[in-house]
Amino acid sequence: MTTAYIGLGSNLGDRLGYLRAAVAALQARGVSVVSASSVFENDALGPPQPPYLNAVVSVSTSVPPQELLSALKAIEHDLGRQHTERWGPREIDLDLLLYGDELIDEPGLTVPHPEMTKRSFVLLPLLEIAPDLDLPSGEPASAFLERDPQGIAKVGAL
C-alpha cells in the first residue's frame, strides 16, 4: 500500500458539500481515506471569482498513480465539474499532490504536484495532517510554507 495525498478545492455552489462528496466518492472507489485536514478558506488565484474552500486528505492505496489520477478526474466529472477556463471557478478540484516517495513526470501527471510548494492553501492543510512530511526530494514540506500566510483561514472540518 502507498500513502498518497490529495488536494481538494471548491468555490462554486455548496463548497463544503462538494468536498465531502469527493471524500465519500474516494471511499466508494476503494481508496481508503486515512486522515483529513481541516477545511481552509482562501481567496482565489486567477480571474475574479468566489473564495475557495480547500482541504487535503491522505489515502492508502494500491492503485497505481495514473489510475488514481483517472479516478480523481472521474469523481470531478461525476460531481459536475465544468472545465471552462484555466484557474477559473469550479465545483470541485482534485489534485494528486504526492504518491509515496515517487517522482513522476509523465504526460498528464507530474508528482509532486508542480505548484504545491508555491501554494500555502495546499501546504497548510497538508502539514496539518503530516507535519513532518518530507518531499521526494528529501526537503521538508514545511520549508516551503510562508510564515503566517495572508488570506487563508481555517473554517471547519470535513
Protein backbone atom coordinates (compact mmCIF):
# COMPACT_ATOMS: atom_id res chain seq x y z
CA MET A 1 0.00 0.00 0.00
CA THR A 2 1.14 3.51 -0.79
CA THR A 3 0.31 6.72 1.05
CA ALA A 4 -0.81 9.47 -1.30
CA TYR A 5 -2.01 13.00 -0.61
CA ILE A 6 -4.91 14.56 -2.49
CA GLY A 7 -5.80 18.25 -2.51
CA LEU A 8 -9.48 19.16 -2.66
CA GLY A 9 -10.91 22.55 -3.59
CA SER A 10 -14.28 24.11 -4.41
CA ASN A 11 -15.56 27.62 -4.95
CA LEU A 12 -18.98 27.14 -6.54
CA GLY A 13 -22.29 26.01 -5.06
CA ASP A 14 -22.26 24.01 -1.84
CA ARG A 15 -18.49 24.15 -1.47
CA LEU A 16 -18.30 22.05 1.71
CA GLY A 17 -20.82 19.60 0.27
CA TYR A 18 -18.63 19.10 -2.81
CA LEU A 19 -15.55 18.44 -0.66
CA ARG A 20 -17.43 15.92 1.45
CA ALA A 21 -18.94 14.24 -1.62
CA ALA A 22 -15.45 13.87 -3.13
CA VAL A 23 -14.15 12.18 0.03
CA ALA A 24 -17.15 9.81 0.00
CA ALA A 25 -16.54 9.07 -3.69
CA LEU A 26 -12.91 8.19 -2.98
CA GLN A 27 -14.01 5.73 -0.31
CA ALA A 28 -16.66 4.29 -2.65
CA ARG A 29 -13.92 3.62 -5.22
CA GLY A 30 -11.91 1.64 -2.68
CA VAL A 31 -9.41 4.39 -1.90
CA SER A 32 -9.06 4.36 1.88
CA VAL A 33 -9.03 7.86 3.37
CA VAL A 34 -6.68 7.70 6.36
CA SER A 35 -6.88 11.31 7.54
CA ALA A 36 -8.40 14.61 6.53
CA SER A 37 -7.26 18.14 7.28
CA SER A 38 -9.41 20.96 8.46
CA VAL A 39 -11.14 23.00 5.78
CA PHE A 40 -9.48 26.31 4.91
CA GLU A 41 -10.97 29.24 3.03
CA ASN A 42 -8.82 31.42 0.79
CA ASP A 43 -9.05 33.96 -1.98
CA ALA A 44 -8.94 32.50 -5.47
CA LEU A 45 -5.99 32.70 -7.83
CA GLY A 46 -6.66 33.70 -11.41
CA PRO A 47 -9.65 35.64 -12.71
CA PRO A 48 -12.09 37.31 -10.26
CA GLN A 49 -14.20 34.60 -8.62
CA PRO A 50 -15.58 33.47 -5.25
CA PRO A 51 -13.23 32.27 -2.49
CA TYR A 52 -12.25 28.62 -2.28
CA LEU A 53 -12.61 26.01 0.38
CA ASN A 54 -9.56 23.71 0.41
CA ALA A 55 -8.54 20.59 2.29
CA VAL A 56 -6.09 17.70 1.93
CA VAL A 57 -6.66 14.01 2.59
CA SER A 58 -4.12 11.28 2.99
CA VAL A 59 -5.09 7.98 1.43
CA SER A 60 -3.75 4.46 1.48
CA THR A 61 -3.99 2.84 -1.91
CA SER A 62 -2.68 0.07 -4.11
CA VAL A 63 -3.99 1.86 -7.20
CA PRO A 64 -1.14 2.97 -9.49
CA PRO A 65 -0.70 6.76 -9.84
CA GLN A 66 -2.17 7.10 -13.37
CA GLU A 67 -5.23 5.07 -12.33
CA LEU A 68 -5.63 7.18 -9.19
CA LEU A 69 -5.48 10.34 -11.31
CA SER A 70 -8.12 8.86 -13.62
CA ALA A 71 -10.32 8.15 -10.59
CA LEU A 72 -9.91 11.76 -9.42
CA LYS A 73 -10.92 13.08 -12.84
CA ALA A 74 -13.93 10.72 -12.92
CA ILE A 75 -15.04 11.95 -9.48
CA GLU A 76 -14.74 15.56 -10.67
CA HIS A 77 -16.89 14.69 -13.69
CA ASP A 78 -19.46 12.80 -11.60
CA LEU A 79 -19.77 15.78 -9.23
CA GLY A 80 -20.47 18.12 -12.15
CA ARG A 81 -17.18 19.92 -12.68
CA GLN A 82 -17.30 22.14 -15.75
CA HIS A 83 -13.93 22.92 -17.38
CA THR A 84 -14.46 26.47 -18.59
CA GLU A 85 -11.17 28.37 -18.16
CA ARG A 86 -7.72 27.82 -16.69
CA TRP A 87 -7.74 28.73 -13.00
CA GLY A 88 -11.44 29.54 -13.30
CA PRO A 89 -14.16 28.78 -10.77
CA ARG A 90 -15.04 25.13 -10.23
CA GLU A 91 -17.45 22.94 -8.36
CA ILE A 92 -14.68 20.54 -7.36
CA ASP A 93 -10.97 20.23 -8.00
CA LEU A 94 -8.97 17.15 -7.01
CA ASP A 95 -5.19 17.17 -7.32
CA LEU A 96 -2.79 14.29 -6.74
CA LEU A 97 -0.16 16.08 -4.66
CA LEU A 98 2.14 13.23 -3.63
CA TYR A 99 2.26 9.49 -4.29
CA GLY A 100 4.57 7.85 -1.78
CA ASP A 101 8.14 8.98 -2.42
CA GLU A 102 7.73 8.80 -6.18
CA LEU A 103 8.88 11.42 -8.65
CA ILE A 104 6.60 11.15 -11.68
CA ASP A 105 6.82 13.14 -14.89
CA GLU A 106 4.51 11.58 -17.46
CA PRO A 107 2.06 13.04 -19.94
CA GLY A 108 -0.81 14.44 -17.86
CA LEU A 109 0.76 13.61 -14.48
CA THR A 110 3.52 15.31 -12.53
CA VAL A 111 4.12 14.29 -8.91
CA PRO A 112 4.84 16.05 -6.66
CA HIS A 113 2.21 18.46 -7.95
CA PRO A 114 4.27 21.19 -9.65
CA GLU A 115 2.55 24.13 -7.91
CA MET A 116 2.21 22.54 -4.47
CA THR A 117 5.18 24.21 -2.79
CA LYS A 118 4.05 27.64 -4.01
CA ARG A 119 0.57 27.45 -2.51
CA SER A 120 0.04 27.99 1.19
CA PHE A 121 -3.60 26.94 0.78
CA VAL A 122 -2.25 23.47 -0.08
CA LEU A 123 0.66 23.38 2.36
CA LEU A 124 -1.31 24.47 5.45
CA PRO A 125 -3.80 21.58 5.29
CA LEU A 126 -1.11 19.12 4.12
CA LEU A 127 1.17 19.95 7.05
CA GLU A 128 -1.77 19.80 9.45
CA ILE A 129 -2.13 16.07 8.77
CA ALA A 130 1.56 15.35 8.02
CA PRO A 131 3.63 17.89 9.98
CA ASP A 132 6.93 16.06 9.48
CA LEU A 133 6.41 15.23 5.80
CA ASP A 134 9.46 15.21 3.57
CA LEU A 135 9.06 15.66 -0.16
CA PRO A 136 10.56 13.04 -2.51
CA SER A 137 13.50 15.46 -2.95
CA GLY A 138 14.27 14.98 0.76
CA GLU A 139 13.32 18.55 1.63
CA PRO A 140 10.81 19.08 4.45
CA ALA A 141 7.47 20.29 3.08
CA SER A 142 7.37 22.79 5.95
CA ALA A 143 10.36 24.65 4.43
CA PHE A 144 8.07 25.96 1.68
CA LEU A 145 5.28 27.31 3.89
CA GLU A 146 5.42 31.05 4.32
CA ARG A 147 5.07 32.27 7.90
CA ASP A 148 1.51 33.39 8.71
CA PRO A 149 0.23 33.37 5.10
CA GLN A 150 -2.35 36.07 4.38
CA GLY A 151 -5.88 35.42 3.15
CA ILE A 152 -6.22 31.86 4.47
CA ALA A 153 -8.47 30.95 7.40
CA LYS A 154 -9.42 27.63 9.00
CA VAL A 155 -13.22 27.41 8.78
CA GLY A 156 -14.21 23.91 9.82
CA ALA A 157 -13.87 20.18 9.33
CA LEU A 158 -14.56 17.71 6.55
